[in-house]
């Protein structure tokens, strides 16, 4: 049986207009896209970006979600 890991790559636009990217590793591949997008928005609100702990982000726009399958080492 081939083992796969799903990572979620996100590009976000912060309230101050800056764009940034981050990666959520090992997302359950059976989660719906809507649930994953909502989860990503919650994570982005407290995610550490460029050395700053962002505790409040008024607007997070998810530009792209891309599920990438990786083979796990045996």
PDB file of N, CA and C in Angstrom:
ATOM      1  N   UNK A   1       0.841  -1.188   0.000  1.00  0.00           N
ATOM      2  CA  UNK A   1       0.000   0.000   0.000  1.00  0.00           C
ATOM      3  C   UNK A   1       0.884   1.249   0.000  1.00  0.00           C
ATOM      4  N   UNK A   2       0.618   2.157  -0.928  1.00  0.00           N
ATOM      5  CA  UNK A   2       1.396   3.387  -1.021  1.00  0.00           C
ATOM      6  C   UNK A   2       0.894   4.400   0.009  1.00  0.00           C
ATOM      7  N   UNK A   3       1.821   4.923   0.815  1.00  0.00           N
ATOM      8  CA  UNK A   3       1.447   5.914   1.820  1.00  0.00           C
ATOM      9  C   UNK A   3       1.645   7.311   1.255  1.00  0.00           C
ATOM     10  N   UNK A   4       0.654   8.160   1.441  1.00  0.00           N
ATOM     11  CA  UNK A   4       0.734   9.519   0.939  1.00  0.00           C
ATOM     12  C   UNK A   4       0.538  10.512   2.076  1.00  0.00           C
ATOM     13  N   UNK A   5       1.220  11.639   1.952  1.00  0.00           N
ATOM     14  CA  UNK A   5       1.032  12.748   2.884  1.00  0.00           C
ATOM     15  C   UNK A   5       0.484  13.914   2.071  1.00  0.00           C
ATOM     16  N   UNK A   6      -0.491  14.602   2.591  1.00  0.00           N
ATOM     17  CA  UNK A   6      -1.046  15.752   1.896  1.00  0.00           C
ATOM     18  C   UNK A   6      -0.627  17.020   2.615  1.00  0.00           C
ATOM     19  N   UNK A   7       0.037  17.922   1.890  1.00  0.00           N
ATOM     20  CA  UNK A   7       0.395  19.230   2.421  1.00  0.00           C
ATOM     21  C   UNK A   7      -0.485  20.272   1.743  1.00  0.00           C
ATOM     22  N   UNK A   8      -0.791  21.323   2.459  1.00  0.00           N
ATOM     23  CA  UNK A   8      -1.609  22.394   1.919  1.00  0.00           C
ATOM     24  C   UNK A   8      -0.757  23.645   1.821  1.00  0.00           C
ATOM     25  N   UNK A   9      -0.561  24.148   0.609  1.00  0.00           N
ATOM     26  CA  UNK A   9       0.229  25.356   0.395  1.00  0.00           C
ATOM     27  C   UNK A   9      -0.736  26.528   0.276  1.00  0.00           C
ATOM     28  N   UNK A  10      -0.530  27.555   1.093  1.00  0.00           N
ATOM     29  CA  UNK A  10      -1.426  28.702   1.094  1.00  0.00           C
ATOM     30  C   UNK A  10      -0.684  29.979   0.769  1.00  0.00           C
ATOM     31  N   UNK A  11      -1.293  30.804  -0.060  1.00  0.00           N
ATOM     32  CA  UNK A  11      -0.814  32.158  -0.289  1.00  0.00           C
ATOM     33  C   UNK A  11      -1.894  33.065   0.284  1.00  0.00           C
ATOM     34  N   UNK A  12      -1.519  33.954   1.177  1.00  0.00           N
ATOM     35  CA  UNK A  12      -2.504  34.803   1.837  1.00  0.00           C
ATOM     36  C   UNK A  12      -2.178  36.269   1.625  1.00  0.00           C
ATOM     37  N   UNK A  13      -3.216  37.098   1.661  1.00  0.00           N
ATOM     38  CA  UNK A  13      -3.055  38.543   1.662  1.00  0.00           C
ATOM     39  C   UNK A  13      -3.498  39.022   3.032  1.00  0.00           C
ATOM     40  N   UNK A  14      -2.586  39.668   3.752  1.00  0.00           N
ATOM     41  CA  UNK A  14      -2.898  40.154   5.086  1.00  0.00           C
ATOM     42  C   UNK A  14      -3.643  41.482   5.003  1.00  0.00           C
ATOM     43  N   UNK A  15      -4.213  41.905   6.123  1.00  0.00           N
ATOM     44  CA  UNK A  15      -4.982  43.143   6.164  1.00  0.00           C
ATOM     45  C   UNK A  15      -4.148  44.351   5.755  1.00  0.00           C
ATOM     46  N   UNK A  16      -2.835  44.300   6.010  1.00  0.00           N
ATOM     47  CA  UNK A  16      -1.976  45.433   5.649  1.00  0.00           C
ATOM     48  C   UNK A  16      -1.546  45.389   4.183  1.00  0.00           C
ATOM     49  N   UNK A  17      -2.053  44.427   3.431  1.00  0.00           N
ATOM     50  CA  UNK A  17      -1.750  44.343   2.008  1.00  0.00           C
ATOM     51  C   UNK A  17      -0.567  43.454   1.662  1.00  0.00           C
ATOM     52  N   UNK A  18       0.205  43.033   2.666  1.00  0.00           N
ATOM     53  CA  UNK A  18       1.341  42.153   2.394  1.00  0.00           C
ATOM     54  C   UNK A  18       0.852  40.776   1.972  1.00  0.00           C
ATOM     55  N   UNK A  19       1.613  40.167   1.078  1.00  0.00           N
ATOM     56  CA  UNK A  19       1.331  38.787   0.692  1.00  0.00           C
ATOM     57  C   UNK A  19       2.337  37.880   1.372  1.00  0.00           C
ATOM     58  N   UNK A  20       1.903  36.705   1.748  1.00  0.00           N
ATOM     59  CA  UNK A  20       2.811  35.748   2.354  1.00  0.00           C
ATOM     60  C   UNK A  20       2.338  34.350   2.018  1.00  0.00           C
ATOM     61  N   UNK A  21       3.197  33.388   2.249  1.00  0.00           N
ATOM     62  CA  UNK A  21       2.886  31.987   1.982  1.00  0.00           C
ATOM     63  C   UNK A  21       3.234  31.174   3.218  1.00  0.00           C
ATOM     64  N   UNK A  22       2.479  30.137   3.467  1.00  0.00           N
ATOM     65  CA  UNK A  22       2.878  29.174   4.475  1.00  0.00           C
ATOM     66  C   UNK A  22       2.313  27.813   4.129  1.00  0.00           C
ATOM     67  N   UNK A  23       2.796  26.824   4.813  1.00  0.00           N
ATOM     68  CA  UNK A  23       2.495  25.437   4.494  1.00  0.00           C
ATOM     69  C   UNK A  23       1.910  24.754   5.716  1.00  0.00           C
ATOM     70  N   UNK A  24       0.795  24.084   5.533  1.00  0.00           N
ATOM     71  CA  UNK A  24       0.229  23.234   6.580  1.00  0.00           C
ATOM     72  C   UNK A  24       0.570  21.806   6.186  1.00  0.00           C
ATOM     73  N   UNK A  25       1.337  21.135   7.038  1.00  0.00           N
ATOM     74  CA  UNK A  25       1.811  19.786   6.719  1.00  0.00           C
ATOM     75  C   UNK A  25       0.809  18.737   7.195  1.00  0.00           C
ATOM     76  N   UNK A  26       0.773  17.653   6.462  1.00  0.00           N
ATOM     77  CA  UNK A  26       0.022  16.460   6.858  1.00  0.00           C
ATOM     78  C   UNK A  26      -1.460  16.723   7.108  1.00  0.00           C
ATOM     79  N   UNK A  27      -2.109  17.377   6.162  1.00  0.00           N
ATOM     80  CA  UNK A  27      -3.548  17.589   6.245  1.00  0.00           C
ATOM     81  C   UNK A  27      -4.246  16.269   5.923  1.00  0.00           C
ATOM     82  N   UNK A  28      -5.308  15.971   6.648  1.00  0.00           N
ATOM     83  CA  UNK A  28      -6.092  14.774   6.360  1.00  0.00           C
ATOM     84  C   UNK A  28      -6.647  14.898   4.940  1.00  0.00           C
ATOM     85  N   UNK A  29      -6.269  14.011   4.023  1.00  0.00           N
ATOM     86  CA  UNK A  29      -6.694  14.147   2.628  1.00  0.00           C
ATOM     87  C   UNK A  29      -8.193  13.974   2.430  1.00  0.00           C
ATOM     88  N   UNK A  30      -8.916  13.506   3.450  1.00  0.00           N
ATOM     89  CA  UNK A  30     -10.353  13.322   3.309  1.00  0.00           C
ATOM     90  C   UNK A  30     -11.152  14.542   3.765  1.00  0.00           C
ATOM     91  N   UNK A  31     -10.476  15.582   4.276  1.00  0.00           N
ATOM     92  CA  UNK A  31     -11.174  16.805   4.675  1.00  0.00           C
ATOM     93  C   UNK A  31     -11.680  17.530   3.439  1.00  0.00           C
ATOM     94  N   UNK A  32     -12.845  18.139   3.562  1.00  0.00           N
ATOM     95  CA  UNK A  32     -13.380  18.903   2.432  1.00  0.00           C
ATOM     96  C   UNK A  32     -12.565  20.177   2.223  1.00  0.00           C
ATOM     97  N   UNK A  33     -12.571  20.693   0.998  1.00  0.00           N
ATOM     98  CA  UNK A  33     -11.851  21.930   0.699  1.00  0.00           C
ATOM     99  C   UNK A  33     -12.369  23.091   1.540  1.00  0.00           C
ATOM    100  N   UNK A  34     -13.685  23.153   1.760  1.00  0.00           N
ATOM    101  CA  UNK A  34     -14.261  24.242   2.553  1.00  0.00           C
ATOM    102  C   UNK A  34     -13.729  24.199   3.981  1.00  0.00           C
ATOM    103  N   UNK A  35     -13.695  23.013   4.588  1.00  0.00           N
ATOM    104  CA  UNK A  35     -13.187  22.886   5.954  1.00  0.00           C
ATOM    105  C   UNK A  35     -11.720  23.289   6.019  1.00  0.00           C
ATOM    106  N   UNK A  36     -10.935  22.846   5.053  1.00  0.00           N
ATOM    107  CA  UNK A  36      -9.508  23.166   5.034  1.00  0.00           C
ATOM    108  C   UNK A  36      -9.301  24.673   4.892  1.00  0.00           C
ATOM    109  N   UNK A  37     -10.097  25.324   4.037  1.00  0.00           N
ATOM    110  CA  UNK A  37      -9.972  26.768   3.847  1.00  0.00           C
ATOM    111  C   UNK A  37     -10.324  27.519   5.125  1.00  0.00           C
ATOM    112  N   UNK A  38     -11.389  27.101   5.815  1.00  0.00           N
ATOM    113  CA  UNK A  38     -11.762  27.738   7.080  1.00  0.00           C
ATOM    114  C   UNK A  38     -10.670  27.539   8.124  1.00  0.00           C
ATOM    115  N   UNK A  39     -10.125  26.336   8.202  1.00  0.00           N
ATOM    116  CA  UNK A  39      -9.045  26.043   9.139  1.00  0.00           C
ATOM    117  C   UNK A  39      -7.832  26.922   8.835  1.00  0.00           C
ATOM    118  N   UNK A  40      -7.518  27.078   7.557  1.00  0.00           N
ATOM    119  CA  UNK A  40      -6.372  27.889   7.160  1.00  0.00           C
ATOM    120  C   UNK A  40      -6.558  29.340   7.575  1.00  0.00           C
ATOM    121  N   UNK A  41      -7.767  29.860   7.447  1.00  0.00           N
ATOM    122  CA  UNK A  41      -8.044  31.224   7.876  1.00  0.00           C
ATOM    123  C   UNK A  41      -7.834  31.403   9.366  1.00  0.00           C
ATOM    124  N   UNK A  42      -8.266  30.430  10.162  1.00  0.00           N
ATOM    125  CA  UNK A  42      -8.066  30.494  11.613  1.00  0.00           C
ATOM    126  C   UNK A  42      -6.586  30.434  11.965  1.00  0.00           C
ATOM    127  N   UNK A  43      -5.855  29.567  11.299  1.00  0.00           N
ATOM    128  CA  UNK A  43      -4.418  29.453  11.556  1.00  0.00           C
ATOM    129  C   UNK A  43      -3.709  30.745  11.176  1.00  0.00           C
ATOM    130  N   UNK A  44      -4.088  31.329  10.044  1.00  0.00           N
ATOM    131  CA  UNK A  44      -3.424  32.546   9.580  1.00  0.00           C
ATOM    132  C   UNK A  44      -3.615  33.704  10.548  1.00  0.00           C
ATOM    133  N   UNK A  45      -4.711  33.700  11.304  1.00  0.00           N
ATOM    134  CA  UNK A  45      -4.955  34.778  12.261  1.00  0.00           C
ATOM    135  C   UNK A  45      -3.936  34.809  13.385  1.00  0.00           C
ATOM    136  N   UNK A  46      -3.301  33.691  13.697  1.00  0.00           N
ATOM    137  CA  UNK A  46      -2.322  33.657  14.783  1.00  0.00           C
ATOM    138  C   UNK A  46      -0.969  33.136  14.317  1.00  0.00           C
ATOM    139  N   UNK A  47      -0.775  33.045  13.012  1.00  0.00           N
ATOM    140  CA  UNK A  47       0.450  32.478  12.476  1.00  0.00           C
ATOM    141  C   UNK A  47       1.595  33.464  12.600  1.00  0.00           C
ATOM    142  N   UNK A  48       2.784  32.974  12.890  1.00  0.00           N
ATOM    143  CA  UNK A  48       3.952  33.841  12.970  1.00  0.00           C
ATOM    144  C   UNK A  48       4.486  34.074  11.566  1.00  0.00           C
ATOM    145  N   UNK A  49       4.404  35.309  11.112  1.00  0.00           N
ATOM    146  CA  UNK A  49       4.832  35.656   9.762  1.00  0.00           C
ATOM    147  C   UNK A  49       5.939  36.694   9.849  1.00  0.00           C
ATOM    148  N   UNK A  50       7.066  36.417   9.192  1.00  0.00           N
ATOM    149  CA  UNK A  50       8.201  37.336   9.142  1.00  0.00           C
ATOM    150  C   UNK A  50       8.629  37.784  10.535  1.00  0.00           C
ATOM    151  N   UNK A  51       8.652  36.861  11.489  1.00  0.00           N
ATOM    152  CA  UNK A  51       9.147  37.156  12.824  1.00  0.00           C
ATOM    153  C   UNK A  51       8.159  37.884  13.711  1.00  0.00           C
ATOM    154  N   UNK A  52       6.990  38.219  13.194  1.00  0.00           N
ATOM    155  CA  UNK A  52       5.984  38.880  14.013  1.00  0.00           C
ATOM    156  C   UNK A  52       4.904  37.877  14.357  1.00  0.00           C
ATOM    157  N   UNK A  53       4.445  37.936  15.587  1.00  0.00           N
ATOM    158  CA  UNK A  53       3.326  37.092  15.966  1.00  0.00           C
ATOM    159  C   UNK A  53       2.048  37.855  15.646  1.00  0.00           C
ATOM    160  N   UNK A  54       1.374  37.471  14.581  1.00  0.00           N
ATOM    161  CA  UNK A  54       0.160  38.146  14.161  1.00  0.00           C
ATOM    162  C   UNK A  54      -0.981  37.623  15.026  1.00  0.00           C
ATOM    163  N   UNK A  55      -1.468  38.460  15.925  1.00  0.00           N
ATOM    164  CA  UNK A  55      -2.548  38.023  16.803  1.00  0.00           C
ATOM    165  C   UNK A  55      -3.914  38.439  16.281  1.00  0.00           C
ATOM    166  N   UNK A  56      -3.938  39.395  15.366  1.00  0.00           N
ATOM    167  CA  UNK A  56      -5.220  39.785  14.780  1.00  0.00           C
ATOM    168  C   UNK A  56      -5.009  40.190  13.328  1.00  0.00           C
ATOM    169  N   UNK A  57      -5.726  39.529  12.460  1.00  0.00           N
ATOM    170  CA  UNK A  57      -5.690  39.859  11.041  1.00  0.00           C
ATOM    171  C   UNK A  57      -7.135  40.089  10.623  1.00  0.00           C
ATOM    172  N   UNK A  58      -7.421  41.290  10.158  1.00  0.00           N
ATOM    173  CA  UNK A  58      -8.811  41.599   9.813  1.00  0.00           C
ATOM    174  C   UNK A  58      -9.261  40.857   8.564  1.00  0.00           C
ATOM    175  N   UNK A  59      -8.409  40.828   7.567  1.00  0.00           N
ATOM    176  CA  UNK A  59      -8.788  40.204   6.297  1.00  0.00           C
ATOM    177  C   UNK A  59      -7.718  39.215   5.871  1.00  0.00           C
ATOM    178  N   UNK A  60      -8.112  37.987   5.691  1.00  0.00           N
ATOM    179  CA  UNK A  60      -7.216  36.986   5.128  1.00  0.00           C
ATOM    180  C   UNK A  60      -7.898  36.448   3.880  1.00  0.00           C
ATOM    181  N   UNK A  61      -7.275  36.678   2.759  1.00  0.00           N
ATOM    182  CA  UNK A  61      -7.815  36.174   1.502  1.00  0.00           C
ATOM    183  C   UNK A  61      -6.994  34.968   1.075  1.00  0.00           C
ATOM    184  N   UNK A  62      -7.647  33.849   0.915  1.00  0.00           N
ATOM    185  CA  UNK A  62      -6.955  32.665   0.440  1.00  0.00           C
ATOM    186  C   UNK A  62      -6.909  32.750  -1.085  1.00  0.00           C
ATOM    187  N   UNK A  63      -5.704  32.923  -1.614  1.00  0.00           N
ATOM    188  CA  UNK A  63      -5.553  33.044  -3.058  1.00  0.00           C
ATOM    189  C   UNK A  63      -5.610  31.667  -3.711  1.00  0.00           C
ATOM    190  N   UNK A  64      -4.904  30.723  -3.118  1.00  0.00           N
ATOM    191  CA  UNK A  64      -4.781  29.425  -3.775  1.00  0.00           C
ATOM    192  C   UNK A  64      -4.597  28.353  -2.714  1.00  0.00           C
ATOM    193  N   UNK A  65      -5.298  27.261  -2.850  1.00  0.00           N
ATOM    194  CA  UNK A  65      -5.015  26.076  -2.051  1.00  0.00           C
ATOM    195  C   UNK A  65      -4.636  24.974  -3.023  1.00  0.00           C
ATOM    196  N   UNK A  66      -3.559  24.315  -2.725  1.00  0.00           N
ATOM    197  CA  UNK A  66      -3.029  23.317  -3.644  1.00  0.00           C
ATOM    198  C   UNK A  66      -2.633  22.093  -2.835  1.00  0.00           C
ATOM    199  N   UNK A  67      -3.320  20.995  -3.056  1.00  0.00           N
ATOM    200  CA  UNK A  67      -2.978  19.764  -2.343  1.00  0.00           C
ATOM    201  C   UNK A  67      -1.872  19.050  -3.104  1.00  0.00           C
ATOM    202  N   UNK A  68      -0.808  18.740  -2.391  1.00  0.00           N
ATOM    203  CA  UNK A  68       0.356  18.101  -2.996  1.00  0.00           C
ATOM    204  C   UNK A  68       0.554  16.754  -2.319  1.00  0.00           C
ATOM    205  N   UNK A  69       0.597  15.693  -3.093  1.00  0.00           N
ATOM    206  CA  UNK A  69       0.788  14.352  -2.544  1.00  0.00           C
ATOM    207  C   UNK A  69       2.273  14.008  -2.527  1.00  0.00           C
ATOM    208  N   UNK A  70       2.743  13.490  -1.406  1.00  0.00           N
ATOM    209  CA  UNK A  70       4.136  13.073  -1.267  1.00  0.00           C
ATOM    210  C   UNK A  70       4.165  11.615  -0.833  1.00  0.00           C
ATOM    211  N   UNK A  71       5.095  10.861  -1.380  1.00  0.00           N
ATOM    212  CA  UNK A  71       5.287   9.495  -0.907  1.00  0.00           C
ATOM    213  C   UNK A  71       6.075   9.540   0.387  1.00  0.00           C
ATOM    214  N   UNK A  72       5.621   8.809   1.379  1.00  0.00           N
ATOM    215  CA  UNK A  72       6.343   8.736   2.639  1.00  0.00           C
ATOM    216  C   UNK A  72       7.448   7.695   2.524  1.00  0.00           C
ATOM    217  N   UNK A  73       8.600   7.954   3.135  1.00  0.00           N
ATOM    218  CA  UNK A  73       9.662   6.947   3.108  1.00  0.00           C
ATOM    219  C   UNK A  73       9.227   5.692   3.852  1.00  0.00           C
ATOM    220  N   UNK A  74       9.700   4.552   3.395  1.00  0.00           N
ATOM    221  CA  UNK A  74       9.317   3.270   4.003  1.00  0.00           C
ATOM    222  C   UNK A  74       9.918   3.123   5.379  1.00  0.00           C
TER     223      UNK A  74
END
